[in-house]
């Protein structure tokens, strides 16, 4: 099993990795999300046959970036995503963020991002660019 290699606060390094806590989205969480964004697609509301909205699954990445890697004070600059497989309501999802490139002068961090289900199957993958001005991250 992959474990997080990031412990705050320390200088960022290529290869630093952080994981979200495992998350199984409920129908009520999904319904609230759909109502917020105005999505009425029935494929997201059948607890037995439905699928979790891709953007809801991908939101786990933001949680990792804001709390662990790069951590508090981070600003999301961009994100590319490919939705590789549907996430079912029975899936337990985990997001992983890995530092691939650092720019000390710009205070930006490029990261590979992936969300996997409990079987290890990739549900979402992509690349994020974030920024963080915390001086301890750039020592």
Protein backbone atom coordinates (compact mmCIF):
# COMPACT_ATOMS: atom_id res chain seq x y z
CA UNK A 1 0.00 0.00 0.00
CA UNK A 2 1.24 3.49 -0.88
CA UNK A 3 1.83 5.77 2.08
CA UNK A 4 2.16 9.53 2.21
CA UNK A 5 5.73 10.82 2.26
CA UNK A 6 4.82 14.40 3.16
CA UNK A 7 5.11 15.77 6.69
CA UNK A 8 4.53 19.50 7.17
CA UNK A 9 6.37 21.77 7.50
CA UNK A 10 9.42 21.00 5.40
CA UNK A 11 10.80 22.13 2.10
CA UNK A 12 9.02 20.69 -0.91
CA UNK A 13 10.81 18.05 -2.94
CA UNK A 14 10.10 16.30 -6.21
CA UNK A 15 8.50 12.97 -5.42
CA UNK A 16 6.67 14.18 -2.30
CA UNK A 17 3.35 12.36 -2.18
CA UNK A 18 0.19 12.78 -0.14
CA UNK A 19 -3.05 10.79 0.03
CA UNK A 20 -6.58 11.77 0.93
CA UNK A 21 -8.45 9.89 3.60
CA UNK A 22 -10.55 7.14 1.98
CA UNK A 23 -13.99 8.47 1.00
CA UNK A 24 -17.22 6.77 0.02
CA UNK A 25 -19.70 9.35 -1.28
CA UNK A 26 -23.27 8.97 -0.06
CA UNK A 27 -26.40 9.62 -2.06
CA UNK A 28 -27.24 12.64 0.13
CA UNK A 29 -23.77 14.17 -0.44
CA UNK A 30 -24.13 13.56 -4.16
CA UNK A 31 -27.64 15.01 -4.24
CA UNK A 32 -26.44 18.17 -2.45
CA UNK A 33 -23.56 18.49 -4.93
CA UNK A 34 -25.90 18.04 -7.91
CA UNK A 35 -28.33 20.62 -6.54
CA UNK A 36 -25.48 23.10 -6.04
CA UNK A 37 -24.26 22.77 -9.63
CA UNK A 38 -27.71 22.39 -11.24
CA UNK A 39 -27.12 18.89 -12.63
CA UNK A 40 -30.29 16.79 -12.95
CA UNK A 41 -28.73 13.80 -14.70
CA UNK A 42 -30.52 10.70 -13.37
CA UNK A 43 -27.36 8.58 -13.72
CA UNK A 44 -26.09 10.18 -10.51
CA UNK A 45 -29.13 9.49 -8.33
CA UNK A 46 -29.61 5.71 -8.49
CA UNK A 47 -27.76 4.31 -5.49
CA UNK A 48 -27.55 0.80 -7.01
CA UNK A 49 -26.75 1.58 -10.65
CA UNK A 50 -25.71 5.21 -10.54
CA UNK A 51 -22.25 6.72 -10.62
CA UNK A 52 -20.68 9.44 -8.55
CA UNK A 53 -20.24 12.65 -10.58
CA UNK A 54 -16.71 12.83 -11.95
CA UNK A 55 -16.13 16.33 -10.59
CA UNK A 56 -17.19 15.20 -7.12
CA UNK A 57 -14.67 12.36 -7.27
CA UNK A 58 -12.01 14.79 -8.51
CA UNK A 59 -12.74 17.20 -5.66
CA UNK A 60 -10.75 14.91 -3.36
CA UNK A 61 -7.63 16.23 -5.10
CA UNK A 62 -8.39 19.76 -3.93
CA UNK A 63 -8.71 18.51 -0.37
CA UNK A 64 -5.23 17.00 -0.50
CA UNK A 65 -3.72 20.13 -2.03
CA UNK A 66 -5.27 22.46 0.55
CA UNK A 67 -4.50 20.42 3.63
CA UNK A 68 -1.41 18.32 2.92
CA UNK A 69 0.51 18.92 -0.28
CA UNK A 70 1.47 21.66 -0.84
CA UNK A 71 -0.73 22.41 2.18
CA UNK A 72 -2.49 25.34 3.86
CA UNK A 73 -2.29 28.58 1.92
CA UNK A 74 -2.15 26.81 -1.43
CA UNK A 75 -3.87 28.31 -4.46
CA UNK A 76 -5.09 26.08 -7.28
CA UNK A 77 -3.89 27.54 -10.59
CA UNK A 78 -4.89 24.83 -13.07
CA UNK A 79 -5.91 21.19 -13.39
CA UNK A 80 -6.15 18.79 -16.30
CA UNK A 81 -8.26 15.67 -15.84
CA UNK A 82 -9.13 12.49 -17.65
CA UNK A 83 -12.01 10.43 -16.35
CA UNK A 84 -10.82 6.84 -16.80
CA UNK A 85 -13.59 4.85 -15.10
CA UNK A 86 -16.89 5.52 -13.36
CA UNK A 87 -16.93 5.67 -9.57
CA UNK A 88 -19.83 3.72 -8.12
CA UNK A 89 -21.53 4.60 -4.84
CA UNK A 90 -20.05 1.41 -3.37
CA UNK A 91 -16.49 2.56 -4.21
CA UNK A 92 -14.16 3.92 -1.58
CA UNK A 93 -12.04 6.57 -3.30
CA UNK A 94 -8.57 7.87 -2.47
CA UNK A 95 -6.81 10.81 -4.11
CA UNK A 96 -3.03 10.92 -4.52
CA UNK A 97 -0.95 14.00 -5.29
CA UNK A 98 2.75 13.74 -6.25
CA UNK A 99 5.14 16.66 -6.80
CA UNK A 100 6.76 16.48 -10.25
CA UNK A 101 8.17 19.98 -10.72
CA UNK A 102 9.01 22.99 -8.55
CA UNK A 103 9.62 26.64 -9.41
CA UNK A 104 11.10 28.43 -6.41
CA UNK A 105 11.10 31.80 -8.21
CA UNK A 106 7.38 31.58 -8.99
CA UNK A 107 6.47 29.56 -5.87
CA UNK A 108 4.61 27.05 -8.07
CA UNK A 109 4.28 23.32 -7.74
CA UNK A 110 3.34 20.96 -10.59
CA UNK A 111 1.78 17.69 -9.43
CA UNK A 112 0.51 14.44 -10.87
CA UNK A 113 -2.98 13.77 -9.54
CA UNK A 114 -4.93 10.54 -9.44
CA UNK A 115 -8.09 9.22 -7.79
CA UNK A 116 -8.40 5.44 -7.38
CA UNK A 117 -11.22 3.24 -6.20
CA UNK A 118 -10.83 0.56 -3.52
CA UNK A 119 -9.74 -1.95 -6.18
CA UNK A 120 -6.87 0.35 -7.19
CA UNK A 121 -8.51 1.21 -10.50
CA UNK A 122 -7.83 4.75 -11.72
CA UNK A 123 -11.03 6.79 -11.79
CA UNK A 124 -9.53 10.24 -12.49
CA UNK A 125 -6.01 11.23 -13.45
CA UNK A 126 -4.37 14.45 -14.43
CA UNK A 127 -1.94 17.19 -13.57
CA UNK A 128 -2.33 20.18 -11.26
CA UNK A 129 -0.46 23.43 -10.88
CA UNK A 130 -0.57 25.13 -7.52
CA UNK A 131 1.11 27.99 -5.77
CA UNK A 132 2.10 28.46 -2.12
CA UNK A 133 4.06 31.36 -0.61
CA UNK A 134 4.80 29.63 2.72
CA UNK A 135 8.55 30.29 3.20
CA UNK A 136 9.14 26.97 4.98
CA UNK A 137 8.16 25.11 1.80
CA UNK A 138 10.91 26.78 -0.20
CA UNK A 139 13.95 26.53 2.12
